[in-house]
């Protein structure tokens, strides 16, 4: 999942929302619906990557 988030971040404007990143990861997972826990993990990864 981290690689997909990096791919998403490098795909253009860095001002995308967390919701947009979640949609991208769901798309990469073939429309799998992420849980709230998954979304928190994505948010944590984004925060870590932005430092």
Protein backbone atom coordinates (compact mmCIF):
# COMPACT_ATOMS: atom_id res chain seq x y z
CA UNK A 1 0.00 0.00 0.00
CA UNK A 2 2.87 2.39 0.75
CA UNK A 3 4.15 2.12 -2.81
CA UNK A 4 0.71 3.01 -4.18
CA UNK A 5 0.51 6.03 -1.91
CA UNK A 6 3.92 7.18 -3.11
CA UNK A 7 2.79 6.64 -6.71
CA UNK A 8 -0.34 8.70 -6.03
CA UNK A 9 1.67 11.49 -4.38
CA UNK A 10 4.04 11.64 -7.35
CA UNK A 11 1.23 11.71 -9.90
CA UNK A 12 0.69 15.46 -9.81
CA UNK A 13 -0.41 18.13 -7.40
CA UNK A 14 0.58 17.36 -3.80
CA UNK A 15 -2.49 19.18 -2.49
CA UNK A 16 -4.81 16.21 -2.99
CA UNK A 17 -7.10 15.26 -0.14
CA UNK A 18 -6.86 12.12 1.93
CA UNK A 19 -10.19 11.03 0.42
CA UNK A 20 -8.66 11.19 -3.04
CA UNK A 21 -5.78 9.02 -1.90
CA UNK A 22 -8.23 6.52 -0.37
CA UNK A 23 -10.11 6.33 -3.68
CA UNK A 24 -6.83 5.76 -5.53
CA UNK A 25 -5.84 2.90 -3.19
CA UNK A 26 -9.32 1.36 -3.48
CA UNK A 27 -9.01 1.55 -7.26
CA UNK A 28 -5.60 -0.14 -7.08
CA UNK A 29 -7.17 -2.86 -4.94
CA UNK A 30 -9.80 -3.44 -7.62
CA UNK A 31 -12.56 -1.45 -5.91
CA UNK A 32 -12.06 -3.03 -2.49
CA UNK A 33 -13.79 -0.93 0.16
CA UNK A 34 -11.25 0.17 2.77
CA UNK A 35 -12.13 0.00 6.45
CA UNK A 36 -11.81 2.96 8.81
CA UNK A 37 -8.64 1.35 10.15
CA UNK A 38 -7.20 1.17 6.62
CA UNK A 39 -8.00 4.85 6.12
CA UNK A 40 -6.21 5.78 9.35
CA UNK A 41 -3.17 3.83 8.16
CA UNK A 42 -3.22 5.73 4.86
CA UNK A 43 -3.49 9.01 6.72
CA UNK A 44 -0.53 8.03 8.92
CA UNK A 45 1.55 7.12 5.87
CA UNK A 46 0.70 10.45 4.22
CA UNK A 47 1.68 12.36 7.33
CA UNK A 48 4.93 10.43 7.63
CA UNK A 49 5.76 10.91 3.94
CA UNK A 50 5.14 14.66 4.13
CA UNK A 51 7.73 15.21 6.86
